[in-house]
Amino acid sequence: MADTINTGETRELIASNKVEGTAVYNMGGERLGTVHNFMVDKRSGKAEYAVMQFGGFLGIGADYYPIPWKMLNYSTDHSGYVVDLDKDRLQDAPRYADNDEPDYNAGYGQQVYSYYGVTY
């Protein structure tokens, strides 16, 4: 019998399909949204952004918020990611509608990281 490959998660790694849909909470435990997807740098292989889906009803009318990946911390207590943000901070945050995905270039990256006070 061949060895099986764990495609779900290990102690330090998780499969991308298990990250998508994971809840995102603020520091107070309030659910902000879910990870819609994440953007990975093609050359370094590092995740640059978690794109959080927030708002709307059952995904209809929701917006997508790119958040620097390094802002998210996985919490086993929440079985999700925790970020030091609240809903008020998201009011003016960079975001886009479902059919209006931005060009994730260096200028856009600088804008997103700068908004959150994170070094790009």
PDB file of N, CA and C in Angstrom:
ATOM      1  N   MET A   1       0.844  -1.164   0.000  1.00  0.00           N
ATOM      2  CA  MET A   1       0.000   0.000   0.000  1.00  0.00           C
ATOM      3  C   MET A   1       0.901   1.242   0.000  1.00  0.00           C
ATOM      4  N   ALA A   2       0.646   2.176  -0.888  1.00  0.00           N
ATOM      5  CA  ALA A   2       1.446   3.391  -1.001  1.00  0.00           C
ATOM      6  C   ALA A   2       1.168   4.336   0.157  1.00  0.00           C
ATOM      7  N   ASP A   3       2.189   5.119   0.490  1.00  0.00           N
ATOM      8  CA  ASP A   3       1.990   6.141   1.520  1.00  0.00           C
ATOM      9  C   ASP A   3       0.983   7.169   1.022  1.00  0.00           C
ATOM     10  N   THR A   4       0.129   7.614   1.901  1.00  0.00           N
ATOM     11  CA  THR A   4      -0.832   8.644   1.519  1.00  0.00           C
ATOM     12  C   THR A   4      -0.254  10.015   1.847  1.00  0.00           C
ATOM     13  N   ILE A   5      -0.646  10.983   1.083  1.00  0.00           N
ATOM     14  CA  ILE A   5      -0.203  12.355   1.297  1.00  0.00           C
ATOM     15  C   ILE A   5      -1.310  13.107   2.005  1.00  0.00           C
ATOM     16  N   ASN A   6      -0.978  13.748   3.105  1.00  0.00           N
ATOM     17  CA  ASN A   6      -1.947  14.542   3.846  1.00  0.00           C
ATOM     18  C   ASN A   6      -2.147  15.856   3.105  1.00  0.00           C
ATOM     19  N   THR A   7      -3.304  16.026   2.500  1.00  0.00           N
ATOM     20  CA  THR A   7      -3.579  17.243   1.738  1.00  0.00           C
ATOM     21  C   THR A   7      -4.400  18.249   2.530  1.00  0.00           C
ATOM     22  N   GLY A   8      -4.685  17.956   3.774  1.00  0.00           N
ATOM     23  CA  GLY A   8      -5.485  18.867   4.595  1.00  0.00           C
ATOM     24  C   GLY A   8      -4.621  19.822   5.388  1.00  0.00           C
ATOM     25  N   GLU A   9      -3.956  19.295   6.401  1.00  0.00           N
ATOM     26  CA  GLU A   9      -3.074  20.137   7.178  1.00  0.00           C
ATOM     27  C   GLU A   9      -2.167  19.298   8.053  1.00  0.00           C
ATOM     28  N   THR A  10      -1.069  19.904   8.439  1.00  0.00           N
ATOM     29  CA  THR A  10      -0.127  19.313   9.374  1.00  0.00           C
ATOM     30  C   THR A  10      -0.021  20.286  10.544  1.00  0.00           C
ATOM     31  N   ARG A  11       0.915  20.060  11.416  1.00  0.00           N
ATOM     32  CA  ARG A  11       1.088  20.964  12.562  1.00  0.00           C
ATOM     33  C   ARG A  11       1.414  22.390  12.114  1.00  0.00           C
ATOM     34  N   GLU A  12       2.213  22.559  11.075  1.00  0.00           N
ATOM     35  CA  GLU A  12       2.655  23.885  10.630  1.00  0.00           C
ATOM     36  C   GLU A  12       2.079  24.335   9.293  1.00  0.00           C
ATOM     37  N   LEU A  13       1.501  23.435   8.524  1.00  0.00           N
ATOM     38  CA  LEU A  13       1.023  23.768   7.185  1.00  0.00           C
ATOM     39  C   LEU A  13      -0.468  23.475   7.042  1.00  0.00           C
ATOM     40  N   ILE A  14      -1.091  24.210   6.127  1.00  0.00           N
ATOM     41  CA  ILE A  14      -2.501  23.977   5.841  1.00  0.00           C
ATOM     42  C   ILE A  14      -2.714  24.116   4.339  1.00  0.00           C
ATOM     43  N   ALA A  15      -3.571  23.308   3.779  1.00  0.00           N
ATOM     44  CA  ALA A  15      -3.867  23.363   2.350  1.00  0.00           C
ATOM     45  C   ALA A  15      -4.691  24.613   2.048  1.00  0.00           C
ATOM     46  N   SER A  16      -4.465  25.179   0.872  1.00  0.00           N
ATOM     47  CA  SER A  16      -5.147  26.422   0.505  1.00  0.00           C
ATOM     48  C   SER A  16      -6.668  26.274   0.543  1.00  0.00           C
ATOM     49  N   ASN A  17      -7.181  25.133   0.131  1.00  0.00           N
ATOM     50  CA  ASN A  17      -8.639  24.971   0.117  1.00  0.00           C
ATOM     51  C   ASN A  17      -9.237  24.942   1.525  1.00  0.00           C
ATOM     52  N   LYS A  18      -8.410  24.691   2.541  1.00  0.00           N
ATOM     53  CA  LYS A  18      -8.907  24.734   3.920  1.00  0.00           C
ATOM     54  C   LYS A  18      -8.837  26.140   4.495  1.00  0.00           C
ATOM     55  N   VAL A  19      -8.020  27.020   3.895  1.00  0.00           N
ATOM     56  CA  VAL A  19      -7.943  28.411   4.344  1.00  0.00           C
ATOM     57  C   VAL A  19      -9.142  29.190   3.820  1.00  0.00           C
ATOM     58  N   GLU A  20      -9.505  28.946   2.571  1.00  0.00           N
ATOM     59  CA  GLU A  20     -10.631  29.648   1.962  1.00  0.00           C
ATOM     60  C   GLU A  20     -11.917  29.279   2.706  1.00  0.00           C
ATOM     61  N   GLY A  21     -12.618  30.299   3.152  1.00  0.00           N
ATOM     62  CA  GLY A  21     -13.840  30.094   3.920  1.00  0.00           C
ATOM     63  C   GLY A  21     -13.632  30.155   5.424  1.00  0.00           C
ATOM     64  N   THR A  22     -12.376  30.231   5.871  1.00  0.00           N
ATOM     65  CA  THR A  22     -12.086  30.302   7.296  1.00  0.00           C
ATOM     66  C   THR A  22     -12.510  31.662   7.843  1.00  0.00           C
ATOM     67  N   ALA A  23     -13.105  31.661   9.000  1.00  0.00           N
ATOM     68  CA  ALA A  23     -13.590  32.896   9.624  1.00  0.00           C
ATOM     69  C   ALA A  23     -12.426  33.797  10.029  1.00  0.00           C
ATOM     70  N   VAL A  24     -12.692  35.121   9.983  1.00  0.00           N
ATOM     71  CA  VAL A  24     -11.754  36.133  10.444  1.00  0.00           C
ATOM     72  C   VAL A  24     -12.445  36.911  11.558  1.00  0.00           C
ATOM     73  N   TYR A  25     -11.761  37.028  12.699  1.00  0.00           N
ATOM     74  CA  TYR A  25     -12.296  37.699  13.882  1.00  0.00           C
ATOM     75  C   TYR A  25     -11.417  38.888  14.245  1.00  0.00           C
ATOM     76  N   ASN A  26     -11.998  39.859  14.944  1.00  0.00           N
ATOM     77  CA  ASN A  26     -11.168  40.921  15.502  1.00  0.00           C
ATOM     78  C   ASN A  26     -10.694  40.478  16.881  1.00  0.00           C
ATOM     79  N   MET A  27      -9.914  41.320  17.533  1.00  0.00           N
ATOM     80  CA  MET A  27      -9.327  40.965  18.827  1.00  0.00           C
ATOM     81  C   MET A  27     -10.389  40.744  19.908  1.00  0.00           C
ATOM     82  N   GLY A  28     -11.560  41.332  19.731  1.00  0.00           N
ATOM     83  CA  GLY A  28     -12.639  41.154  20.689  1.00  0.00           C
ATOM     84  C   GLY A  28     -13.478  39.912  20.446  1.00  0.00           C
ATOM     85  N   GLY A  29     -13.109  39.123  19.427  1.00  0.00           N
ATOM     86  CA  GLY A  29     -13.848  37.902  19.120  1.00  0.00           C
ATOM     87  C   GLY A  29     -15.036  38.102  18.199  1.00  0.00           C
ATOM     88  N   GLU A  30     -15.226  39.331  17.697  1.00  0.00           N
ATOM     89  CA  GLU A  30     -16.329  39.611  16.771  1.00  0.00           C
ATOM     90  C   GLU A  30     -15.943  39.134  15.375  1.00  0.00           C
ATOM     91  N   ARG A  31     -16.813  38.378  14.761  1.00  0.00           N
ATOM     92  CA  ARG A  31     -16.545  37.865  13.416  1.00  0.00           C
ATOM     93  C   ARG A  31     -16.659  38.999  12.396  1.00  0.00           C
ATOM     94  N   LEU A  32     -15.585  39.203  11.623  1.00  0.00           N
ATOM     95  CA  LEU A  32     -15.553  40.253  10.609  1.00  0.00           C
ATOM     96  C   LEU A  32     -15.946  39.743   9.237  1.00  0.00           C
ATOM     97  N   GLY A  33     -15.604  38.534   8.923  1.00  0.00           N
ATOM     98  CA  GLY A  33     -15.875  37.967   7.600  1.00  0.00           C
ATOM     99  C   GLY A  33     -15.190  36.627   7.458  1.00  0.00           C
ATOM    100  N   THR A  34     -14.909  36.255   6.216  1.00  0.00           N
ATOM    101  CA  THR A  34     -14.214  34.995   5.943  1.00  0.00           C
ATOM    102  C   THR A  34     -13.119  35.232   4.915  1.00  0.00           C
ATOM    103  N   VAL A  35     -12.132  34.354   4.927  1.00  0.00           N
ATOM    104  CA  VAL A  35     -11.087  34.410   3.910  1.00  0.00           C
ATOM    105  C   VAL A  35     -11.702  33.911   2.607  1.00  0.00           C
ATOM    106  N   HIS A  36     -11.774  34.792   1.615  1.00  0.00           N
ATOM    107  CA  HIS A  36     -12.291  34.420   0.295  1.00  0.00           C
ATOM    108  C   HIS A  36     -11.215  33.670  -0.479  1.00  0.00           C
ATOM    109  N   ASN A  37     -10.034  34.241  -0.501  1.00  0.00           N
ATOM    110  CA  ASN A  37      -8.863  33.599  -1.087  1.00  0.00           C
ATOM    111  C   ASN A  37      -7.632  34.306  -0.550  1.00  0.00           C
ATOM    112  N   PHE A  38      -6.484  33.936  -1.036  1.00  0.00           N
ATOM    113  CA  PHE A  38      -5.285  34.664  -0.658  1.00  0.00           C
ATOM    114  C   PHE A  38      -4.367  34.743  -1.864  1.00  0.00           C
ATOM    115  N   MET A  39      -3.563  35.800  -1.855  1.00  0.00           N
ATOM    116  CA  MET A  39      -2.682  36.084  -2.978  1.00  0.00           C
ATOM    117  C   MET A  39      -1.253  35.713  -2.576  1.00  0.00           C
ATOM    118  N   VAL A  40      -0.591  34.921  -3.431  1.00  0.00           N
ATOM    119  CA  VAL A  40       0.746  34.416  -3.158  1.00  0.00           C
ATOM    120  C   VAL A  40       1.718  35.009  -4.164  1.00  0.00           C
ATOM    121  N   ASP A  41       2.861  35.496  -3.681  1.00  0.00           N
ATOM    122  CA  ASP A  41       3.910  35.994  -4.564  1.00  0.00           C
ATOM    123  C   ASP A  41       4.463  34.821  -5.373  1.00  0.00           C
ATOM    124  N   LYS A  42       4.463  34.951  -6.683  1.00  0.00           N
ATOM    125  CA  LYS A  42       4.880  33.849  -7.554  1.00  0.00           C
ATOM    126  C   LYS A  42       6.338  33.456  -7.351  1.00  0.00           C
ATOM    127  N   ARG A  43       7.177  34.418  -7.055  1.00  0.00           N
ATOM    128  CA  ARG A  43       8.608  34.119  -6.939  1.00  0.00           C
ATOM    129  C   ARG A  43       9.005  33.629  -5.550  1.00  0.00           C
ATOM    130  N   SER A  44       8.523  34.287  -4.517  1.00  0.00           N
ATOM    131  CA  SER A  44       8.940  33.914  -3.164  1.00  0.00           C
ATOM    132  C   SER A  44       8.094  32.791  -2.583  1.00  0.00           C
ATOM    133  N   GLY A  45       6.854  32.655  -3.084  1.00  0.00           N
ATOM    134  CA  GLY A  45       5.949  31.655  -2.547  1.00  0.00           C
ATOM    135  C   GLY A  45       5.267  32.088  -1.263  1.00  0.00           C
ATOM    136  N   LYS A  46       5.491  33.322  -0.841  1.00  0.00           N
ATOM    137  CA  LYS A  46       4.896  33.811   0.402  1.00  0.00           C
ATOM    138  C   LYS A  46       3.520  34.411   0.141  1.00  0.00           C
ATOM    139  N   ALA A  47       2.621  34.168   1.066  1.00  0.00           N
ATOM    140  CA  ALA A  47       1.298  34.785   0.983  1.00  0.00           C
ATOM    141  C   ALA A  47       1.452  36.271   1.261  1.00  0.00           C
ATOM    142  N   GLU A  48       0.897  37.105   0.396  1.00  0.00           N
ATOM    143  CA  GLU A  48       0.979  38.555   0.557  1.00  0.00           C
ATOM    144  C   GLU A  48      -0.296  39.124   1.181  1.00  0.00           C
ATOM    145  N   TYR A  49      -1.444  38.624   0.738  1.00  0.00           N
ATOM    146  CA  TYR A  49      -2.726  39.144   1.197  1.00  0.00           C
ATOM    147  C   TYR A  49      -3.675  37.994   1.488  1.00  0.00           C
ATOM    148  N   ALA A  50      -4.517  38.209   2.496  1.00  0.00           N
ATOM    149  CA  ALA A  50      -5.719  37.413   2.642  1.00  0.00           C
ATOM    150  C   ALA A  50      -6.825  38.320   2.122  1.00  0.00           C
ATOM    151  N   VAL A  51      -7.616  37.849   1.211  1.00  0.00           N
ATOM    152  CA  VAL A  51      -8.740  38.639   0.713  1.00  0.00           C
ATOM    153  C   VAL A  51      -9.957  38.215   1.516  1.00  0.00           C
ATOM    154  N   MET A  52     -10.413  39.138   2.367  1.00  0.00           N
ATOM    155  CA  MET A  52     -11.516  38.840   3.261  1.00  0.00           C
ATOM    156  C   MET A  52     -12.833  39.294   2.644  1.00  0.00           C
ATOM    157  N   GLN A  53     -13.797  38.414   2.663  1.00  0.00           N
ATOM    158  CA  GLN A  53     -15.151  38.742   2.211  1.00  0.00           C
ATOM    159  C   GLN A  53     -15.916  39.259   3.425  1.00  0.00           C
ATOM    160  N   PHE A  54     -16.539  40.432   3.263  1.00  0.00           N
ATOM    161  CA  PHE A  54     -17.213  41.080   4.382  1.00  0.00           C
ATOM    162  C   PHE A  54     -18.463  41.777   3.878  1.00  0.00           C
ATOM    163  N   GLY A  55     -19.527  41.674   4.641  1.00  0.00           N
ATOM    164  CA  GLY A  55     -20.761  42.384   4.315  1.00  0.00           C
ATOM    165  C   GLY A  55     -21.679  41.562   3.438  1.00  0.00           C
ATOM    166  N   GLY A  56     -22.741  42.189   3.000  1.00  0.00           N
ATOM    167  CA  GLY A  56     -23.720  41.507   2.162  1.00  0.00           C
ATOM    168  C   GLY A  56     -24.525  40.499   2.958  1.00  0.00           C
ATOM    169  N   PHE A  57     -25.291  39.717   2.224  1.00  0.00           N
ATOM    170  CA  PHE A  57     -26.121  38.687   2.828  1.00  0.00           C
ATOM    171  C   PHE A  57     -25.939  37.409   2.030  1.00  0.00           C
ATOM    172  N   LEU A  58     -25.466  36.361   2.692  1.00  0.00           N
ATOM    173  CA  LEU A  58     -25.172  35.081   2.049  1.00  0.00           C
ATOM    174  C   LEU A  58     -24.220  35.261   0.864  1.00  0.00           C
ATOM    175  N   GLY A  59     -23.285  36.189   1.016  1.00  0.00           N
ATOM    176  CA  GLY A  59     -22.298  36.433  -0.027  1.00  0.00           C
ATOM    177  C   GLY A  59     -22.749  37.386  -1.112  1.00  0.00           C
ATOM    178  N   ILE A  60     -24.032  37.737  -1.136  1.00  0.00           N
ATOM    179  CA  ILE A  60     -24.565  38.654  -2.149  1.00  0.00           C
ATOM    180  C   ILE A  60     -24.355  40.081  -1.662  1.00  0.00           C
ATOM    181  N   GLY A  61     -23.710  40.885  -2.474  1.00  0.00           N
ATOM    182  CA  GLY A  61     -23.450  42.266  -2.106  1.00  0.00           C
ATOM    183  C   GLY A  61     -22.243  42.443  -1.204  1.00  0.00           C
ATOM    184  N   ALA A  62     -21.491  41.389  -0.994  1.00  0.00           N
ATOM    185  CA  ALA A  62     -20.302  41.482  -0.152  1.00  0.00           C
ATOM    186  C   ALA A  62     -19.182  42.180  -0.904  1.00  0.00           C
ATOM    187  N   ASP A  63     -18.287  42.796  -0.157  1.00  0.00           N
ATOM    188  CA  ASP A  63     -17.073  43.375  -0.723  1.00  0.00           C
ATOM    189  C   ASP A  63     -15.887  42.524  -0.301  1.00  0.00           C
ATOM    190  N   TYR A  64     -14.770  42.747  -0.986  1.00  0.00           N
ATOM    191  CA  TYR A  64     -13.552  41.975  -0.755  1.00  0.00           C
ATOM    192  C   TYR A  64     -12.447  42.919  -0.314  1.00  0.00           C
ATOM    193  N   TYR A  65     -11.826  42.596   0.808  1.00  0.00           N
ATOM    194  CA  TYR A  65     -10.830  43.444   1.448  1.00  0.00           C
ATOM    195  C   TYR A  65      -9.487  42.725   1.476  1.00  0.00           C
ATOM    196  N   PRO A  66      -8.506  43.187   0.695  1.00  0.00           N
ATOM    197  CA  PRO A  66      -7.175  42.597   0.819  1.00  0.00           C
ATOM    198  C   PRO A  66      -6.527  43.098   2.112  1.00  0.00           C
ATOM    199  N   ILE A  67      -6.081  42.176   2.912  1.00  0.00           N
ATOM    200  CA  ILE A  67      -5.442  42.493   4.182  1.00  0.00           C
ATOM    201  C   ILE A  67      -4.054  41.860   4.171  1.00  0.00           C
ATOM    202  N   PRO A  68      -3.014  42.621   4.514  1.00  0.00           N
ATOM    203  CA  PRO A  68      -1.677  42.020   4.543  1.00  0.00           C
ATOM    204  C   PRO A  68      -1.681  40.736   5.370  1.00  0.00           C
ATOM    205  N   TRP A  69      -1.179  39.676   4.768  1.00  0.00           N
ATOM    206  CA  TRP A  69      -1.196  38.358   5.401  1.00  0.00           C
ATOM    207  C   TRP A  69      -0.554  38.383   6.775  1.00  0.00           C
ATOM    208  N   LYS A  70       0.521  39.164   6.924  1.00  0.00           N
ATOM    209  CA  LYS A  70       1.231  39.171   8.199  1.00  0.00           C
ATOM    210  C   LYS A  70       0.415  39.770   9.339  1.00  0.00           C
ATOM    211  N   MET A  71      -0.725  40.373   9.040  1.00  0.00           N
ATOM    212  CA  MET A  71      -1.593  40.896  10.099  1.00  0.00           C
ATOM    213  C   MET A  71      -2.447  39.804  10.728  1.00  0.00           C
ATOM    214  N   LEU A  72      -2.617  38.687  10.036  1.00  0.00           N
ATOM    215  CA  LEU A  72      -3.492  37.622  10.518  1.00  0.00           C
ATOM    216  C   LEU A  72      -2.718  36.638  11.386  1.00  0.00           C
ATOM    217  N   ASN A  73      -3.353  36.221  12.453  1.00  0.00           N
ATOM    218  CA  ASN A  73      -2.796  35.187  13.328  1.00  0.00           C
ATOM    219  C   ASN A  73      -3.845  34.106  13.499  1.00  0.00           C
ATOM    220  N   TYR A  74      -3.422  32.864  13.317  1.00  0.00           N
ATOM    221  CA  TYR A  74      -4.380  31.771  13.477  1.00  0.00           C
ATOM    222  C   TYR A  74      -4.628  31.507  14.953  1.00  0.00           C
ATOM    223  N   SER A  75      -5.888  31.382  15.317  1.00  0.00           N
ATOM    224  CA  SER A  75      -6.284  31.123  16.695  1.00  0.00           C
ATOM    225  C   SER A  75      -6.987  29.775  16.775  1.00  0.00           C
ATOM    226  N   THR A  76      -6.412  28.861  17.521  1.00  0.00           N
ATOM    227  CA  THR A  76      -7.074  27.570  17.713  1.00  0.00           C
ATOM    228  C   THR A  76      -8.340  27.740  18.549  1.00  0.00           C
ATOM    229  N   ASP A  77      -8.368  28.757  19.411  1.00  0.00           N
ATOM    230  CA  ASP A  77      -9.570  29.017  20.222  1.00  0.00           C
ATOM    231  C   ASP A  77     -10.760  29.387  19.338  1.00  0.00           C
ATOM    232  N   HIS A  78     -10.500  30.121  18.257  1.00  0.00           N
ATOM    233  CA  HIS A  78     -11.561  30.553  17.349  1.00  0.00           C
ATOM    234  C   HIS A  78     -11.700  29.643  16.126  1.00  0.00           C
ATOM    235  N   SER A  79     -10.737  28.758  15.930  1.00  0.00           N
ATOM    236  CA  SER A  79     -10.672  27.961  14.695  1.00  0.00           C
ATOM    237  C   SER A  79     -10.758  28.881  13.487  1.00  0.00           C
ATOM    238  N   GLY A  80     -10.055  29.996  13.597  1.00  0.00           N
ATOM    239  CA  GLY A  80     -10.041  30.987  12.534  1.00  0.00           C
ATOM    240  C   GLY A  80      -8.912  31.967  12.746  1.00  0.00           C
ATOM    241  N   TYR A  81      -8.867  32.967  11.898  1.00  0.00           N
ATOM    242  CA  TYR A  81      -7.817  33.978  11.966  1.00  0.00           C
ATOM    243  C   TYR A  81      -8.285  35.166  12.779  1.00  0.00           C
ATOM    244  N   VAL A  82      -7.357  35.753  13.518  1.00  0.00           N
ATOM    245  CA  VAL A  82      -7.630  36.939  14.314  1.00  0.00           C
ATOM    246  C   VAL A  82      -6.761  38.062  13.777  1.00  0.00           C
ATOM    247  N   VAL A  83      -7.378  39.221  13.627  1.00  0.00           N
ATOM    248  CA  VAL A  83      -6.679  40.392  13.111  1.00  0.00           C
ATOM    249  C   VAL A  83      -7.028  41.583  14.005  1.00  0.00           C
ATOM    250  N   ASP A  84      -6.068  42.461  14.203  1.00  0.00           N
ATOM    251  CA  ASP A  84      -6.275  43.623  15.064  1.00  0.00           C
ATOM    252  C   ASP A  84      -6.969  44.739  14.278  1.00  0.00           C
ATOM    253  N   LEU A  85      -8.246  44.521  13.971  1.00  0.00           N
ATOM    254  CA  LEU A  85      -9.084  45.469  13.231  1.00  0.00           C
ATOM    255  C   LEU A  85     -10.483  45.442  13.824  1.00  0.00           C
ATOM    256  N   ASP A  86     -11.206  46.497  13.592  1.00  0.00           N
ATOM    257  CA  ASP A  86     -12.627  46.464  13.915  1.00  0.00           C
ATOM    258  C   ASP A  86     -13.405  46.918  12.681  1.00  0.00           C
ATOM    259  N   LYS A  87     -14.690  46.769  12.741  1.00  0.00           N
ATOM    260  CA  LYS A  87     -15.526  47.094  11.580  1.00  0.00           C
ATOM    261  C   LYS A  87     -15.404  48.562  11.177  1.00  0.00           C
ATOM    262  N   ASP A  88     -15.205  49.445  12.144  1.00  0.00           N
ATOM    263  CA  ASP A  88     -15.051  50.865  11.819  1.00  0.00           C
ATOM    264  C   ASP A  88     -13.816  51.104  10.947  1.00  0.00           C
ATOM    265  N   ARG A  89     -12.737  50.394  11.222  1.00  0.00           N
ATOM    266  CA  ARG A  89     -11.497  50.551  10.442  1.00  0.00           C
ATOM    267  C   ARG A  89     -11.708  50.056   9.007  1.00  0.00           C
ATOM    268  N   LEU A  90     -12.597  49.121   8.815  1.00  0.00           N
ATOM    269  CA  LEU A  90     -12.861  48.599   7.468  1.00  0.00           C
ATOM    270  C   LEU A  90     -13.699  49.560   6.617  1.00  0.00           C
ATOM    271  N   GLN A  91     -14.338  50.545   7.241  1.00  0.00           N
ATOM    272  CA  GLN A  91     -15.199  51.468   6.494  1.00  0.00           C
ATOM    273  C   GLN A  91     -14.474  52.131   5.324  1.00  0.00           C
ATOM    274  N   ASP A  92     -13.235  52.566   5.537  1.00  0.00           N
ATOM    275  CA  ASP A  92     -12.479  53.262   4.502  1.00  0.00           C
ATOM    276  C   ASP A  92     -11.340  52.423   3.928  1.00  0.00           C
ATOM    277  N   ALA A  93     -11.319  51.157   4.261  1.00  0.00           N
ATOM    278  CA  ALA A  93     -10.238  50.276   3.823  1.00  0.00           C
ATOM    279  C   ALA A  93     -10.310  50.010   2.319  1.00  0.00           C
ATOM    280  N   PRO A  94      -9.157  49.750   1.695  1.00  0.00           N
ATOM    281  CA  PRO A  94      -9.171  49.346   0.280  1.00  0.00           C
ATOM    282  C   PRO A  94     -10.027  48.095   0.115  1.00  0.00           C
ATOM    283  N   ARG A  95     -10.895  48.129  -0.885  1.00  0.00           N
ATOM    284  CA  ARG A  95     -11.790  46.993  -1.140  1.00  0.00           C
ATOM    285  C   ARG A  95     -12.262  47.053  -2.573  1.00  0.00           C
ATOM    286  N   TYR A  96     -12.909  45.984  -2.986  1.00  0.00           N
ATOM    287  CA  TYR A  96     -13.462  45.932  -4.334  1.00  0.00           C
ATOM    288  C   TYR A  96     -14.682  45.029  -4.351  1.00  0.00           C
ATOM    289  N   ALA A  97     -15.517  45.250  -5.350  1.00  0.00           N
ATOM    290  CA  ALA A  97     -16.711  44.426  -5.537  1.00  0.00           C
ATOM    291  C   ALA A  97     -16.311  43.146  -6.268  1.00  0.00           C
ATOM    292  N   ASP A  98     -17.221  42.198  -6.313  1.00  0.00           N
ATOM    293  CA  ASP A  98     -16.962  40.879  -6.889  1.00  0.00           C
ATOM    294  C   ASP A  98     -16.387  40.923  -8.302  1.00  0.00           C
ATOM    295  N   ASN A  99     -16.907  41.759  -9.153  1.00  0.00           N
ATOM    296  CA  ASN A  99     -16.461  41.792 -10.550  1.00  0.00           C
ATOM    297  C   ASN A  99     -15.469  42.911 -10.829  1.00  0.00           C
ATOM    298  N   ASP A 100     -14.830  43.441  -9.796  1.00  0.00           N
ATOM    299  CA  ASP A 100     -13.970  44.612  -9.955  1.00  0.00           C
ATOM    300  C   ASP A 100     -12.607  44.394  -9.301  1.00  0.00           C
ATOM    301  N   GLU A 101     -12.054  43.188  -9.435  1.00  0.00           N
ATOM    302  CA  GLU A 101     -10.778  42.869  -8.787  1.00  0.00           C
ATOM    303  C   GLU A 101      -9.678  43.799  -9.285  1.00  0.00           C
ATOM    304  N   PRO A 102      -8.880  44.359  -8.366  1.00  0.00           N
ATOM    305  CA  PRO A 102      -7.833  45.305  -8.744  1.00  0.00           C
ATOM    306  C   PRO A 102      -6.629  44.612  -9.368  1.00  0.00           C
ATOM    307  N   ASP A 103      -5.765  45.412  -9.943  1.00  0.00           N
ATOM    308  CA  ASP A 103      -4.480  44.933 -10.429  1.00  0.00           C
ATOM    309  C   ASP A 103      -3.547  44.919  -9.227  1.00  0.00           C
ATOM    310  N   TYR A 104      -3.189  43.755  -8.762  1.00  0.00           N
ATOM    311  CA  TYR A 104      -2.334  43.644  -7.581  1.00  0.00           C
ATOM    312  C   TYR A 104      -0.892  43.962  -7.957  1.00  0.00           C
ATOM    313  N   ASN A 105      -0.621  45.222  -8.262  1.00  0.00           N
ATOM    314  CA  ASN A 105       0.737  45.637  -8.592  1.00  0.00           C
ATOM    315  C   ASN A 105       1.372  46.292  -7.367  1.00  0.00           C
ATOM    316  N   ALA A 106       2.616  46.751  -7.516  1.00  0.00           N
ATOM    317  CA  ALA A 106       3.346  47.331  -6.378  1.00  0.00           C
ATOM    318  C   ALA A 106       2.636  48.573  -5.829  1.00  0.00           C
ATOM    319  N   GLY A 107       2.069  49.399  -6.711  1.00  0.00           N
ATOM    320  CA  GLY A 107       1.371  50.597  -6.257  1.00  0.00           C
ATOM    321  C   GLY A 107       0.161  50.259  -5.406  1.00  0.00           C
ATOM    322  N   TYR A 108      -0.594  49.264  -5.831  1.00  0.00           N
ATOM    323  CA  TYR A 108      -1.764  48.844  -5.065  1.00  0.00           C
ATOM    324  C   TYR A 108      -1.321  48.231  -3.738  1.00  0.00           C
ATOM    325  N   GLY A 109      -0.284  47.427  -3.780  1.00  0.00           N
ATOM    326  CA  GLY A 109       0.245  46.824  -2.561  1.00  0.00           C
ATOM    327  C   GLY A 109       0.669  47.874  -1.554  1.00  0.00           C
ATOM    328  N   GLN A 110       1.332  48.913  -2.046  1.00  0.00           N
ATOM    329  CA  GLN A 110       1.762  50.008  -1.169  1.00  0.00           C
ATOM    330  C   GLN A 110       0.557  50.692  -0.532  1.00  0.00           C
ATOM    331  N   GLN A 111      -0.492  50.894  -1.318  1.00  0.00           N
ATOM    332  CA  GLN A 111      -1.711  51.528  -0.815  1.00  0.00           C
ATOM    333  C   GLN A 111      -2.349  50.684   0.298  1.00  0.00           C
ATOM    334  N   VAL A 112      -2.470  49.387   0.051  1.00  0.00           N
ATOM    335  CA  VAL A 112      -3.095  48.487   1.032  1.00  0.00           C
ATOM    336  C   VAL A 112      -2.263  48.423   2.307  1.00  0.00           C
ATOM    337  N   TYR A 113      -0.992  48.156   2.176  1.00  0.00           N
ATOM    338  CA  TYR A 113      -0.130  48.026   3.350  1.00  0.00           C
ATOM    339  C   TYR A 113      -0.075  49.335   4.132  1.00  0.00           C
ATOM    340  N   SER A 114      -0.003  50.455   3.417  1.00  0.00           N
ATOM    341  CA  SER A 114       0.045  51.764   4.055  1.00  0.00           C
ATOM    342  C   SER A 114      -1.224  52.033   4.853  1.00  0.00           C
ATOM    343  N   TYR A 115      -2.372  51.674   4.309  1.00  0.00           N
ATOM    344  CA  TYR A 115      -3.635  51.894   5.011  1.00  0.00           C
ATOM    345  C   TYR A 115      -3.620  51.216   6.381  1.00  0.00           C
ATOM    346  N   TYR A 116      -3.061  50.018   6.427  1.00  0.00           N
ATOM    347  CA  TYR A 116      -3.039  49.258   7.679  1.00  0.00           C
ATOM    348  C   TYR A 116      -1.800  49.539   8.531  1.00  0.00           C
ATOM    349  N   GLY A 117      -0.917  50.430   8.041  1.00  0.00           N
ATOM    350  CA  GLY A 117       0.279  50.773   8.809  1.00  0.00           C
ATOM    351  C   GLY A 117       1.310  49.667   8.857  1.00  0.00           C
ATOM    352  N   VAL A 118       1.369  48.874   7.785  1.00  0.00           N
ATOM    353  CA  VAL A 118       2.289  47.742   7.708  1.00  0.00           C
ATOM    354  C   VAL A 118       3.331  48.056   6.643  1.00  0.00           C
ATOM    355  N   THR A 119       4.579  47.706   6.900  1.00  0.00           N
ATOM    356  CA  THR A 119       5.652  47.924   5.932  1.00  0.00           C
ATOM    357  C   THR A 119       5.475  47.001   4.743  1.00  0.00           C
ATOM    358  N   TYR A 120       5.553  47.574   3.557  1.00  0.00           N
ATOM    359  CA  TYR A 120       5.368  46.805   2.319  1.00  0.00           C
ATOM    360  C   TYR A 120       6.669  46.199   1.881  1.00  0.00           C
TER     361      TYR A 120
END
